[in-house]
Amino acid sequence: MATAVLLLATGSTLLASPASAAVGRASEVKGPVQPAISFPNGNSVSAGGQLAIRFDANGDTTVTRFRYSVDNTSLDNEVPAAQDGTATVTIDAGNVSGEHPVYAVAVDRRERLSPVSQGIFTVSATWNLKGQAIDGTTWLPVEGATIRLEPAGIEVVTGPDGGFQFAVDPGLYTLTGTYAGPPSLYGSQQLQLDNQETWFDLYLFP
């Protein structure tokens, strides 16, 4: 009886060996862990600006580089990983407003790829509103007029040429001009600003 038990135990050991080998093979073919994507300076940028993107191997010391792309999954850009398993790139944000995806994979020394990670950043469109404050009775530029834009809540004082300029997002605004005088002048106009530079002369009247 004791011999039979020993044989059974031995047989159990022999049966377990192939399963252990399979687990070992699975761990060998496993690629790097999924990288993290972050934005060191924030994930919002004005149109035409630049944005920093950071990739992190999450402690995987086998990672040598990252492949990434913006707005598509081509992963046609590449950056080497530093010794701490991170890499930071700076990209041109472009002029298309809205949310933009970033895709990235980690690559290890054996050219194995991790699962794809995705991050999102936002491009805010900023457009210029330019113009002059004009005296409606003399047709001359008004220096020293206060031009206010609502609901943005921003204002400027015109120079010798009566010029003013605002950097704002598209939307519906009310442009108001006042001049203390003499004579005192006032003018107001509602404007719908879109995705292009707008020139508007604001006429002020007594």
N, C-alpha and C. Protein backbone atom coordinates (compact mmCIF):
# COMPACT_ATOMS: atom_id res chain seq x y z
N MET A 1 0.83 -1.21 0.00
CA MET A 1 0.00 0.00 0.00
C MET A 1 0.86 1.25 0.00
N ALA A 2 1.91 1.24 0.77
CA ALA A 2 2.80 2.40 0.82
C ALA A 2 3.45 2.65 -0.52
N THR A 3 3.76 1.55 -1.22
CA THR A 3 4.38 1.69 -2.53
C THR A 3 3.42 2.34 -3.51
N ALA A 4 2.15 1.97 -3.45
CA ALA A 4 1.14 2.52 -4.36
C ALA A 4 0.99 4.03 -4.15
N VAL A 5 0.98 4.44 -2.90
CA VAL A 5 0.86 5.87 -2.62
C VAL A 5 2.04 6.64 -3.17
N LEU A 6 3.21 6.07 -3.05
CA LEU A 6 4.40 6.71 -3.58
C LEU A 6 4.34 6.85 -5.08
N LEU A 7 3.84 5.84 -5.75
CA LEU A 7 3.71 5.89 -7.21
C LEU A 7 2.72 6.96 -7.63
N LEU A 8 1.63 7.07 -6.88
CA LEU A 8 0.62 8.08 -7.20
C LEU A 8 1.19 9.48 -7.05
N ALA A 9 1.95 9.68 -5.98
CA ALA A 9 2.57 10.99 -5.76
C ALA A 9 3.56 11.31 -6.86
N THR A 10 4.31 10.27 -7.25
CA THR A 10 5.27 10.47 -8.32
C THR A 10 4.56 10.79 -9.62
N GLY A 11 3.46 10.08 -9.88
CA GLY A 11 2.70 10.35 -11.09
C GLY A 11 2.12 11.74 -11.11
N SER A 12 1.67 12.22 -9.96
CA SER A 12 1.13 13.57 -9.88
C SER A 12 2.19 14.59 -10.23
N THR A 13 3.40 14.36 -9.77
CA THR A 13 4.49 15.27 -10.08
C THR A 13 4.78 15.29 -11.57
N LEU A 14 4.74 14.13 -12.18
CA LEU A 14 5.01 14.06 -13.62
C LEU A 14 3.92 14.75 -14.42
N LEU A 15 2.68 14.63 -13.97
CA LEU A 15 1.58 15.27 -14.68
C LEU A 15 1.63 16.79 -14.55
N ALA A 16 2.17 17.33 -13.44
CA ALA A 16 2.23 18.76 -13.21
C ALA A 16 3.32 19.43 -14.02
N SER A 17 4.32 18.71 -14.40
CA SER A 17 5.47 19.31 -15.09
C SER A 17 5.10 19.96 -16.41
N PRO A 18 4.31 19.34 -17.31
CA PRO A 18 3.95 20.01 -18.57
C PRO A 18 3.19 21.31 -18.35
N ALA A 19 2.29 21.35 -17.32
CA ALA A 19 1.54 22.57 -17.05
C ALA A 19 2.48 23.69 -16.61
N SER A 20 3.45 23.37 -15.76
CA SER A 20 4.41 24.37 -15.32
C SER A 20 5.22 24.89 -16.49
N ALA A 21 5.58 24.00 -17.40
CA ALA A 21 6.34 24.41 -18.57
C ALA A 21 5.53 25.35 -19.45
N ALA A 22 4.21 25.07 -19.55
CA ALA A 22 3.35 25.91 -20.37
C ALA A 22 3.26 27.31 -19.79
N VAL A 23 3.16 27.40 -18.45
CA VAL A 23 3.12 28.71 -17.81
C VAL A 23 4.42 29.46 -18.07
N GLY A 24 5.54 28.77 -18.01
CA GLY A 24 6.83 29.39 -18.27
C GLY A 24 6.92 29.93 -19.68
N ARG A 25 6.42 29.14 -20.65
CA ARG A 25 6.45 29.60 -22.04
C ARG A 25 5.56 30.83 -22.24
N ALA A 26 4.41 30.85 -21.55
CA ALA A 26 3.49 31.99 -21.68
C ALA A 26 4.13 33.26 -21.16
N SER A 27 4.87 33.14 -20.04
CA SER A 27 5.51 34.32 -19.49
C SER A 27 6.63 34.81 -20.38
N GLU A 28 7.25 33.89 -21.12
CA GLU A 28 8.34 34.28 -22.01
C GLU A 28 7.85 35.09 -23.20
N VAL A 29 6.66 34.78 -23.71
CA VAL A 29 6.16 35.46 -24.90
C VAL A 29 5.37 36.73 -24.55
N LYS A 30 5.12 36.94 -23.27
CA LYS A 30 4.37 38.13 -22.88
C LYS A 30 5.18 39.39 -23.17
N GLY A 31 4.53 40.40 -23.79
CA GLY A 31 5.22 41.64 -24.14
C GLY A 31 5.28 42.60 -22.98
N PRO A 32 5.78 43.82 -23.22
CA PRO A 32 5.87 44.83 -22.16
C PRO A 32 4.50 45.29 -21.70
N VAL A 33 4.46 45.89 -20.52
CA VAL A 33 3.20 46.37 -19.98
C VAL A 33 2.73 47.60 -20.74
N GLN A 34 1.46 47.87 -20.66
CA GLN A 34 0.85 49.01 -21.35
C GLN A 34 1.39 50.32 -20.77
N PRO A 35 1.88 51.24 -21.61
CA PRO A 35 2.46 52.48 -21.09
C PRO A 35 1.39 53.47 -20.65
N ALA A 36 1.79 54.40 -19.80
CA ALA A 36 0.91 55.49 -19.38
C ALA A 36 1.22 56.73 -20.21
N ILE A 37 0.19 57.49 -20.55
CA ILE A 37 0.34 58.74 -21.31
C ILE A 37 -0.14 59.88 -20.44
N SER A 38 0.68 60.91 -20.29
CA SER A 38 0.29 62.07 -19.51
C SER A 38 0.78 63.35 -20.20
N PHE A 39 0.33 64.49 -19.68
CA PHE A 39 0.66 65.79 -20.27
C PHE A 39 1.23 66.68 -19.17
N PRO A 40 2.57 66.79 -19.08
CA PRO A 40 3.21 67.51 -17.97
C PRO A 40 2.72 68.93 -17.75
N ASN A 41 2.36 69.63 -18.82
CA ASN A 41 1.93 71.03 -18.71
C ASN A 41 0.43 71.18 -18.87
N GLY A 42 -0.30 70.10 -18.72
CA GLY A 42 -1.74 70.13 -18.90
C GLY A 42 -2.13 69.64 -20.28
N ASN A 43 -3.37 69.19 -20.41
CA ASN A 43 -3.81 68.60 -21.67
C ASN A 43 -4.65 69.57 -22.51
N SER A 44 -4.51 70.87 -22.26
CA SER A 44 -5.22 71.88 -23.05
C SER A 44 -4.21 72.87 -23.60
N VAL A 45 -4.36 73.21 -24.88
CA VAL A 45 -3.40 74.10 -25.53
C VAL A 45 -4.16 74.96 -26.54
N SER A 46 -3.68 76.18 -26.75
CA SER A 46 -4.28 77.07 -27.74
C SER A 46 -3.86 76.66 -29.14
N ALA A 47 -4.72 76.95 -30.10
CA ALA A 47 -4.42 76.63 -31.50
C ALA A 47 -3.10 77.27 -31.91
N GLY A 48 -2.28 76.49 -32.61
CA GLY A 48 -0.99 76.97 -33.06
C GLY A 48 0.11 76.81 -32.02
N GLY A 49 -0.24 76.33 -30.83
CA GLY A 49 0.75 76.17 -29.77
C GLY A 49 1.42 74.81 -29.79
N GLN A 50 2.23 74.54 -28.76
CA GLN A 50 2.92 73.26 -28.64
C GLN A 50 2.50 72.57 -27.35
N LEU A 51 2.61 71.25 -27.36
CA LEU A 51 2.15 70.44 -26.24
C LEU A 51 3.19 69.38 -25.89
N ALA A 52 3.47 69.22 -24.59
CA ALA A 52 4.39 68.18 -24.12
C ALA A 52 3.60 66.92 -23.78
N ILE A 53 4.10 65.76 -24.25
CA ILE A 53 3.47 64.47 -23.98
C ILE A 53 4.51 63.55 -23.34
N ARG A 54 4.12 62.89 -22.26
CA ARG A 54 5.05 62.01 -21.53
C ARG A 54 4.56 60.57 -21.60
N PHE A 55 5.48 59.66 -21.91
CA PHE A 55 5.19 58.24 -21.93
C PHE A 55 5.95 57.58 -20.78
N ASP A 56 5.29 56.63 -20.10
CA ASP A 56 5.89 55.99 -18.93
C ASP A 56 5.68 54.47 -19.03
N ALA A 57 6.78 53.72 -18.91
CA ALA A 57 6.73 52.27 -19.03
C ALA A 57 6.18 51.59 -17.78
N ASN A 58 5.82 52.36 -16.77
CA ASN A 58 5.25 51.81 -15.54
C ASN A 58 6.16 50.81 -14.86
N GLY A 59 7.44 51.13 -14.84
CA GLY A 59 8.39 50.28 -14.14
C GLY A 59 8.93 49.10 -14.93
N ASP A 60 8.50 48.93 -16.16
CA ASP A 60 8.98 47.81 -16.99
C ASP A 60 10.38 48.16 -17.50
N THR A 61 11.39 47.49 -16.97
CA THR A 61 12.79 47.81 -17.31
C THR A 61 13.22 47.25 -18.65
N THR A 62 12.36 46.47 -19.29
CA THR A 62 12.71 45.91 -20.60
C THR A 62 12.40 46.87 -21.74
N VAL A 63 11.65 47.93 -21.46
CA VAL A 63 11.21 48.86 -22.51
C VAL A 63 12.38 49.74 -22.95
N THR A 64 12.59 49.81 -24.26
CA THR A 64 13.68 50.62 -24.81
C THR A 64 13.18 51.86 -25.54
N ARG A 65 11.93 51.84 -25.98
CA ARG A 65 11.41 52.99 -26.73
C ARG A 65 9.89 52.93 -26.78
N PHE A 66 9.32 54.02 -27.29
CA PHE A 66 7.88 54.12 -27.46
C PHE A 66 7.58 54.50 -28.91
N ARG A 67 6.53 53.94 -29.42
CA ARG A 67 5.99 54.36 -30.72
C ARG A 67 4.66 55.06 -30.45
N TYR A 68 4.43 56.18 -31.17
CA TYR A 68 3.22 56.96 -30.90
C TYR A 68 2.74 57.67 -32.16
N SER A 69 1.51 58.13 -32.11
CA SER A 69 0.94 58.94 -33.20
C SER A 69 -0.19 59.78 -32.62
N VAL A 70 -0.54 60.84 -33.34
CA VAL A 70 -1.59 61.76 -32.92
C VAL A 70 -2.69 61.76 -33.98
N ASP A 71 -3.93 61.65 -33.53
CA ASP A 71 -5.12 61.68 -34.39
C ASP A 71 -5.30 60.43 -35.25
N ASN A 72 -4.40 59.48 -35.17
CA ASN A 72 -4.57 58.22 -35.90
C ASN A 72 -3.77 57.14 -35.19
N THR A 73 -3.96 55.89 -35.60
CA THR A 73 -3.30 54.76 -34.93
C THR A 73 -2.10 54.23 -35.72
N SER A 74 -1.50 55.06 -36.55
CA SER A 74 -0.38 54.60 -37.38
C SER A 74 0.87 54.29 -36.55
N LEU A 75 1.03 54.95 -35.40
CA LEU A 75 2.21 54.75 -34.53
C LEU A 75 3.51 54.91 -35.31
N ASP A 76 3.55 55.94 -36.17
CA ASP A 76 4.69 56.12 -37.07
C ASP A 76 5.77 57.03 -36.51
N ASN A 77 5.63 57.45 -35.25
CA ASN A 77 6.68 58.23 -34.59
C ASN A 77 7.32 57.38 -33.49
N GLU A 78 8.58 57.66 -33.19
CA GLU A 78 9.30 56.84 -32.22
C GLU A 78 10.21 57.72 -31.37
N VAL A 79 10.31 57.38 -30.07
CA VAL A 79 11.17 58.11 -29.17
C VAL A 79 11.81 57.11 -28.21
N PRO A 80 13.13 57.21 -27.96
CA PRO A 80 13.78 56.27 -27.04
C PRO A 80 13.38 56.52 -25.59
N ALA A 81 13.36 55.46 -24.82
CA ALA A 81 13.05 55.57 -23.39
C ALA A 81 14.32 55.88 -22.61
N ALA A 82 14.19 56.75 -21.63
CA ALA A 82 15.31 57.05 -20.74
C ALA A 82 15.52 55.88 -19.77
N GLN A 83 16.55 55.96 -18.94
CA GLN A 83 16.84 54.88 -18.00
C GLN A 83 15.71 54.63 -17.02
N ASP A 84 14.93 55.67 -16.74
CA ASP A 84 13.82 55.50 -15.81
C ASP A 84 12.55 55.01 -16.50
N GLY A 85 12.66 54.66 -17.78
CA GLY A 85 11.52 54.11 -18.50
C GLY A 85 10.50 55.14 -18.95
N THR A 86 10.92 56.39 -19.09
CA THR A 86 10.01 57.43 -19.54
C THR A 86 10.59 58.14 -20.77
N ALA A 87 9.75 58.86 -21.46
CA ALA A 87 10.17 59.70 -22.58
C ALA A 87 9.17 60.84 -22.72
N THR A 88 9.66 62.02 -23.06
CA THR A 88 8.79 63.18 -23.26
C THR A 88 9.05 63.78 -24.63
N VAL A 89 7.99 64.06 -25.37
CA VAL A 89 8.09 64.69 -26.68
C VAL A 89 7.27 65.96 -26.68
N THR A 90 7.61 66.89 -27.56
CA THR A 90 6.84 68.13 -27.74
C THR A 90 6.32 68.15 -29.17
N ILE A 91 5.01 68.31 -29.32
CA ILE A 91 4.39 68.30 -30.64
C ILE A 91 3.74 69.64 -30.93
N ASP A 92 3.55 69.93 -32.22
CA ASP A 92 2.76 71.09 -32.63
C ASP A 92 1.28 70.70 -32.54
N ALA A 93 0.51 71.48 -31.79
CA ALA A 93 -0.89 71.13 -31.55
C ALA A 93 -1.76 71.32 -32.78
N GLY A 94 -1.32 72.16 -33.73
CA GLY A 94 -2.12 72.41 -34.92
C GLY A 94 -3.19 73.45 -34.67
N ASN A 95 -4.05 73.66 -35.67
CA ASN A 95 -5.06 74.71 -35.60
C ASN A 95 -6.49 74.17 -35.62
N VAL A 96 -6.65 72.86 -35.48
CA VAL A 96 -7.99 72.26 -35.48
C VAL A 96 -8.46 72.14 -34.03
N SER A 97 -9.49 72.88 -33.69
CA SER A 97 -9.97 72.88 -32.31
C SER A 97 -10.70 71.59 -31.98
N GLY A 98 -10.80 71.28 -30.68
CA GLY A 98 -11.49 70.09 -30.23
C GLY A 98 -10.55 69.10 -29.57
N GLU A 99 -11.07 67.89 -29.29
CA GLU A 99 -10.28 66.86 -28.64
C GLU A 99 -9.47 66.07 -29.67
N HIS A 100 -8.24 65.73 -29.27
CA HIS A 100 -7.35 64.97 -30.15
C HIS A 100 -6.76 63.78 -29.39
N PRO A 101 -6.83 62.57 -29.97
CA PRO A 101 -6.27 61.41 -29.29
C PRO A 101 -4.78 61.23 -29.57
N VAL A 102 -4.08 60.67 -28.58
CA VAL A 102 -2.68 60.26 -28.72
C VAL A 102 -2.63 58.77 -28.46
N TYR A 103 -2.00 58.01 -29.38
CA TYR A 103 -1.87 56.57 -29.22
C TYR A 103 -0.40 56.22 -29.04
N ALA A 104 -0.11 55.22 -28.19
CA ALA A 104 1.28 54.84 -27.94
C ALA A 104 1.38 53.38 -27.53
N VAL A 105 2.51 52.75 -27.89
CA VAL A 105 2.85 51.42 -27.42
C VAL A 105 4.29 51.45 -26.92
N ALA A 106 4.61 50.57 -25.99
CA ALA A 106 5.98 50.40 -25.53
C ALA A 106 6.61 49.25 -26.31
N VAL A 107 7.92 49.37 -26.58
CA VAL A 107 8.66 48.35 -27.32
C VAL A 107 9.83 47.91 -26.45
N ASP A 108 10.00 46.57 -26.28
CA ASP A 108 11.09 46.09 -25.44
C ASP A 108 12.29 45.67 -26.30
N ARG A 109 13.31 45.12 -25.64
CA ARG A 109 14.56 44.76 -26.33
C ARG A 109 14.36 43.66 -27.36
N ARG A 110 13.31 42.89 -27.21
CA ARG A 110 13.04 41.79 -28.14
C ARG A 110 12.03 42.19 -29.21
N GLU A 111 11.80 43.50 -29.35
CA GLU A 111 10.89 44.07 -30.36
C GLU A 111 9.43 43.68 -30.12
N ARG A 112 9.10 43.30 -28.90
CA ARG A 112 7.71 42.99 -28.59
C ARG A 112 6.97 44.28 -28.24
N LEU A 113 5.70 44.32 -28.61
CA LEU A 113 4.88 45.51 -28.41
C LEU A 113 3.89 45.31 -27.27
N SER A 114 3.66 46.37 -26.54
CA SER A 114 2.64 46.36 -25.49
C SER A 114 1.26 46.59 -26.10
N PRO A 115 0.20 46.43 -25.32
CA PRO A 115 -1.12 46.90 -25.76
C PRO A 115 -1.08 48.42 -25.99
N VAL A 116 -1.99 48.90 -26.81
CA VAL A 116 -2.04 50.32 -27.16
C VAL A 116 -2.68 51.14 -26.04
N SER A 117 -2.05 52.26 -25.70
CA SER A 117 -2.62 53.21 -24.74
C SER A 117 -3.14 54.43 -25.50
N GLN A 118 -4.10 55.11 -24.89
CA GLN A 118 -4.66 56.32 -25.51
C GLN A 118 -4.75 57.44 -24.49
N GLY A 119 -4.38 58.65 -24.92
CA GLY A 119 -4.55 59.86 -24.13
C GLY A 119 -5.30 60.89 -24.96
N ILE A 120 -5.87 61.88 -24.30
CA ILE A 120 -6.66 62.91 -25.00
C ILE A 120 -6.17 64.30 -24.60
N PHE A 121 -5.96 65.17 -25.59
CA PHE A 121 -5.71 66.58 -25.30
C PHE A 121 -6.68 67.44 -26.10
N THR A 122 -6.83 68.68 -25.66
CA THR A 122 -7.81 69.58 -26.27
C THR A 122 -7.13 70.81 -26.83
N VAL A 123 -7.47 71.14 -28.06
CA VAL A 123 -6.98 72.37 -28.71
C VAL A 123 -8.10 73.40 -28.67
N SER A 124 -7.81 74.57 -28.09
CA SER A 124 -8.79 75.65 -28.02
C SER A 124 -8.51 76.67 -29.11
N ALA A 125 -9.49 76.91 -29.93
CA ALA A 125 -9.32 77.90 -31.01
C ALA A 125 -9.33 79.30 -30.43
N THR A 126 -8.36 80.11 -30.81
CA THR A 126 -8.28 81.50 -30.38
C THR A 126 -8.19 82.38 -31.61
N TRP A 127 -9.13 83.28 -31.73
CA TRP A 127 -9.18 84.13 -32.93
C TRP A 127 -9.05 85.59 -32.53
N ASN A 128 -8.51 86.39 -33.42
CA ASN A 128 -8.30 87.81 -33.15
C ASN A 128 -9.45 88.66 -33.68
N LEU A 129 -9.95 89.52 -32.83
CA LEU A 129 -10.89 90.56 -33.25
C LEU A 129 -10.12 91.87 -33.25
N LYS A 130 -10.04 92.50 -34.42
CA LYS A 130 -9.29 93.75 -34.55
C LYS A 130 -10.20 94.83 -35.12
N GLY A 131 -9.87 96.07 -34.83
CA GLY A 131 -10.64 97.15 -35.41
C GLY A 131 -10.17 98.50 -34.92
N GLN A 132 -10.97 99.52 -35.21
CA GLN A 132 -10.69 100.89 -34.78
C GLN A 132 -11.93 101.50 -34.17
N ALA A 133 -11.69 102.35 -33.18
CA ALA A 133 -12.77 103.18 -32.65
C ALA A 133 -12.80 104.46 -33.48
N ILE A 134 -13.96 104.74 -34.09
CA ILE A 134 -14.09 105.88 -35.00
C ILE A 134 -15.14 106.87 -34.45
N ASP A 135 -14.77 108.14 -34.47
CA ASP A 135 -15.73 109.19 -34.11
C ASP A 135 -16.76 109.29 -35.23
N GLY A 136 -18.02 109.00 -34.91
CA GLY A 136 -19.07 108.98 -35.93
C GLY A 136 -19.40 110.33 -36.52
N THR A 137 -18.93 111.42 -35.90
CA THR A 137 -19.22 112.75 -36.41
C THR A 137 -18.07 113.32 -37.23
N THR A 138 -16.85 112.90 -36.93
CA THR A 138 -15.69 113.44 -37.65
C THR A 138 -15.02 112.39 -38.54
N TRP A 139 -15.36 111.12 -38.33
CA TRP A 139 -14.77 109.98 -39.06
C TRP A 139 -13.28 109.84 -38.77
N LEU A 140 -12.86 110.34 -37.63
CA LEU A 140 -11.45 110.23 -37.24
C LEU A 140 -11.29 109.18 -36.14
N PRO A 141 -10.11 108.55 -36.06
CA PRO A 141 -9.86 107.58 -34.99
C PRO A 141 -9.95 108.25 -33.62
N VAL A 142 -10.42 107.50 -32.63
CA VAL A 142 -10.57 108.02 -31.27
C VAL A 142 -9.48 107.42 -30.39
N GLU A 143 -8.56 108.27 -29.94
CA GLU A 143 -7.53 107.81 -29.02
C GLU A 143 -8.05 107.90 -27.59
N GLY A 144 -7.71 106.88 -26.76
CA GLY A 144 -8.12 106.91 -25.36
C GLY A 144 -9.51 106.40 -25.10
N ALA A 145 -10.15 105.78 -26.09
CA ALA A 145 -11.47 105.18 -25.87
C ALA A 145 -11.30 103.83 -25.19
N THR A 146 -12.22 103.50 -24.30
CA THR A 146 -12.21 102.19 -23.63
C THR A 146 -13.14 101.25 -24.40
N ILE A 147 -12.56 100.17 -24.91
CA ILE A 147 -13.32 99.19 -25.69
C ILE A 147 -13.44 97.93 -24.84
N ARG A 148 -14.68 97.50 -24.58
CA ARG A 148 -14.94 96.34 -23.73
C ARG A 148 -15.68 95.25 -24.51
N LEU A 149 -15.29 94.01 -24.21
CA LEU A 149 -15.89 92.86 -24.89
C LEU A 149 -16.57 91.98 -23.84
N GLU A 150 -17.88 91.80 -24.00
CA GLU A 150 -18.66 90.95 -23.10
C GLU A 150 -19.27 89.78 -23.87
N PRO A 151 -19.43 88.60 -23.27
CA PRO A 151 -19.25 88.30 -21.84
C PRO A 151 -17.82 87.92 -21.46
N ALA A 152 -16.84 88.17 -22.32
CA ALA A 152 -15.46 87.84 -21.98
C ALA A 152 -14.96 88.66 -20.80
N GLY A 153 -15.51 89.88 -20.62
CA GLY A 153 -15.12 90.72 -19.50
C GLY A 153 -13.72 91.29 -19.63
N ILE A 154 -13.29 91.56 -20.87
CA ILE A 154 -11.96 92.12 -21.09
C ILE A 154 -12.10 93.46 -21.81
N GLU A 155 -11.14 94.36 -21.56
CA GLU A 155 -11.19 95.67 -22.19
C GLU A 155 -9.79 96.19 -22.48
N VAL A 156 -9.71 97.09 -23.46
CA VAL A 156 -8.46 97.73 -23.84
C VAL A 156 -8.73 99.21 -24.04
N VAL A 157 -7.67 100.01 -24.02
CA VAL A 157 -7.76 101.44 -24.30
C VAL A 157 -7.07 101.70 -25.63
N THR A 158 -7.75 102.39 -26.52
CA THR A 158 -7.21 102.59 -27.86
C THR A 158 -6.01 103.54 -27.86
N GLY A 159 -5.11 103.30 -28.82
CA GLY A 159 -3.94 104.15 -28.99
C GLY A 159 -4.22 105.27 -29.96
N PRO A 160 -3.17 105.93 -30.44
CA PRO A 160 -3.34 107.08 -31.34
C PRO A 160 -4.11 106.75 -32.62
N ASP A 161 -4.01 105.51 -33.08
CA ASP A 161 -4.72 105.14 -34.31
C ASP A 161 -6.13 104.64 -34.03
N GLY A 162 -6.55 104.68 -32.76
CA GLY A 162 -7.88 104.19 -32.41
C GLY A 162 -8.02 102.69 -32.44
N GLY A 163 -6.89 102.00 -32.61
CA GLY A 163 -6.95 100.55 -32.79
C GLY A 163 -7.17 99.77 -31.50
N PHE A 164 -7.82 98.62 -31.64
CA PHE A 164 -8.00 97.68 -30.53
C PHE A 164 -7.89 96.25 -31.08
N GLN A 165 -7.60 95.32 -30.19
CA GLN A 165 -7.46 93.93 -30.59
C GLN A 165 -7.77 93.02 -29.40
N PHE A 166 -8.51 91.93 -29.67
CA PHE A 166 -8.84 90.95 -28.65
C PHE A 166 -8.51 89.55 -29.17
N ALA A 167 -8.06 88.70 -28.29
CA ALA A 167 -7.87 87.28 -28.61
C ALA A 167 -8.94 86.51 -27.87
N VAL A 168 -9.91 85.97 -28.60
CA VAL A 168 -11.06 85.31 -27.98
C VAL A 168 -11.43 84.05 -28.75
N ASP A 169 -12.20 83.18 -28.10
CA ASP A 169 -12.75 82.00 -28.76
C ASP A 169 -13.97 82.41 -29.60
N PRO A 170 -14.35 81.58 -30.56
CA PRO A 170 -15.57 81.86 -31.33
C PRO A 170 -16.80 81.92 -30.42
N GLY A 171 -17.75 82.78 -30.79
CA GLY A 171 -18.96 82.93 -29.99
C GLY A 171 -19.65 84.25 -30.26
N LEU A 172 -20.71 84.51 -29.50
CA LEU A 172 -21.49 85.74 -29.63
C LEU A 172 -21.02 86.72 -28.57
N TYR A 173 -20.64 87.93 -29.00
CA TYR A 173 -20.09 88.93 -28.09
C TYR A 173 -20.77 90.28 -28.32
N THR A 174 -20.67 91.14 -27.30
CA THR A 174 -21.10 92.53 -27.42
C THR A 174 -19.88 93.42 -27.24
N LEU A 175 -19.60 94.23 -28.25
CA LEU A 175 -18.47 95.15 -28.25
C LEU A 175 -18.98 96.54 -27.89
N THR A 176 -18.40 97.14 -26.85
CA THR A 176 -18.84 98.45 -26.37
C THR A 176 -17.66 99.40 -26.29
N GLY A 177 -17.86 100.64 -26.75
CA GLY A 177 -16.82 101.66 -26.68
C GLY A 177 -17.32 102.91 -25.98
N THR A 178 -16.49 103.45 -25.09
CA THR A 178 -16.84 104.71 -24.42
C THR A 178 -15.63 105.64 -24.45
N TYR A 179 -15.92 106.93 -24.57
CA TYR A 179 -14.87 107.95 -24.56
C TYR A 179 -15.35 109.10 -23.68
N ALA A 180 -14.50 109.46 -22.69
CA ALA A 180 -14.93 110.45 -21.69
C ALA A 180 -15.08 111.85 -22.28
N GLY A 181 -14.37 112.10 -23.36
CA GLY A 181 -14.51 113.39 -24.03
C GLY A 181 -13.55 114.46 -23.50
N PRO A 182 -13.83 115.73 -23.77
CA PRO A 182 -15.05 116.15 -24.50
C PRO A 182 -14.89 115.99 -26.03
N PRO A 183 -16.01 115.74 -26.73
CA PRO A 183 -17.30 115.36 -26.17
C PRO A 183 -17.30 113.87 -25.80
N SER A 184 -18.18 113.46 -24.91
CA SER A 184 -18.27 112.05 -24.55
C SER A 184 -18.91 111.28 -25.71
N LEU A 185 -18.38 110.11 -25.96
CA LEU A 185 -18.84 109.29 -27.09
C LEU A 185 -19.16 107.88 -26.61
N TYR A 186 -20.08 107.24 -27.34
CA TYR A 186 -20.48 105.87 -26.96
C TYR A 186 -20.92 105.11 -28.21
N GLY A 187 -20.62 103.80 -28.20
CA GLY A 187 -21.08 102.95 -29.29
C GLY A 187 -21.09 101.50 -28.84
N SER A 188 -21.99 100.70 -29.41
CA SER A 188 -22.10 99.30 -29.04
C SER A 188 -22.56 98.48 -30.24
N GLN A 189 -22.05 97.24 -30.32
CA GLN A 189 -22.43 96.38 -31.43
C GLN A 189 -22.29 94.92 -31.01
N GLN A 190 -23.25 94.10 -31.40
CA GLN A 190 -23.18 92.66 -31.13
C GLN A 190 -22.52 91.97 -32.33
N LEU A 191 -21.59 91.05 -32.03
CA LEU A 191 -20.83 90.38 -33.07
C LEU A 191 -20.83 88.88 -32.88
N GLN A 192 -20.96 88.14 -33.96
CA GLN A 192 -20.80 86.68 -33.96
C GLN A 192 -19.43 86.37 -34.55
N LEU A 193 -18.52 85.89 -33.70
CA LEU A 193 -17.16 85.60 -34.16
C LEU A 193 -17.03 84.11 -34.46
N ASP A 194 -16.43 83.80 -35.60
CA ASP A 194 -16.27 82.41 -35.98
C ASP A 194 -14.79 82.04 -36.03
N ASN A 195 -14.44 81.16 -36.95
CA ASN A 195 -13.07 80.64 -36.99
C ASN A 195 -12.14 81.40 -37.91
N GLN A 196 -12.36 82.68 -38.06
CA GLN A 196 -11.44 83.49 -38.85
C GLN A 196 -11.27 84.87 -38.22
N GLU A 197 -10.16 85.51 -38.56
CA GLU A 197 -9.89 86.84 -38.02
C GLU A 197 -10.94 87.82 -38.52
N THR A 198 -11.44 88.64 -37.59
CA THR A 198 -12.50 89.59 -37.92
C THR A 198 -12.02 91.02 -37.68
N TRP A 199 -12.23 91.89 -38.68
CA TRP A 199 -11.94 93.32 -38.54
C TRP A 199 -13.27 94.06 -38.45
N PHE A 200 -13.41 94.89 -37.39
CA PHE A 200 -14.65 95.62 -37.20
C PHE A 200 -14.36 97.00 -36.65
N ASP A 201 -14.85 98.04 -37.34
CA ASP A 201 -14.71 99.42 -36.87
C ASP A 201 -15.94 99.76 -36.02
N LEU A 202 -15.67 100.19 -34.79
CA LEU A 202 -16.75 100.55 -33.89
C LEU A 202 -16.93 102.07 -33.91
N TYR A 203 -18.10 102.52 -34.36
CA TYR A 203 -18.37 103.96 -34.43
C TYR A 203 -18.98 104.46 -33.12
N LEU A 204 -18.39 105.57 -32.63
CA LEU A 204 -18.83 106.16 -31.37
C LEU A 204 -19.53 107.48 -31.66
N PHE A 205 -20.65 107.71 -30.99
CA PHE A 205 -21.44 108.92 -31.22
C PHE A 205 -21.68 109.66 -29.90
N PRO A 206 -21.89 110.97 -29.99
CA PRO A 206 -22.19 111.75 -28.76
C PRO A 206 -23.47 111.26 -28.09
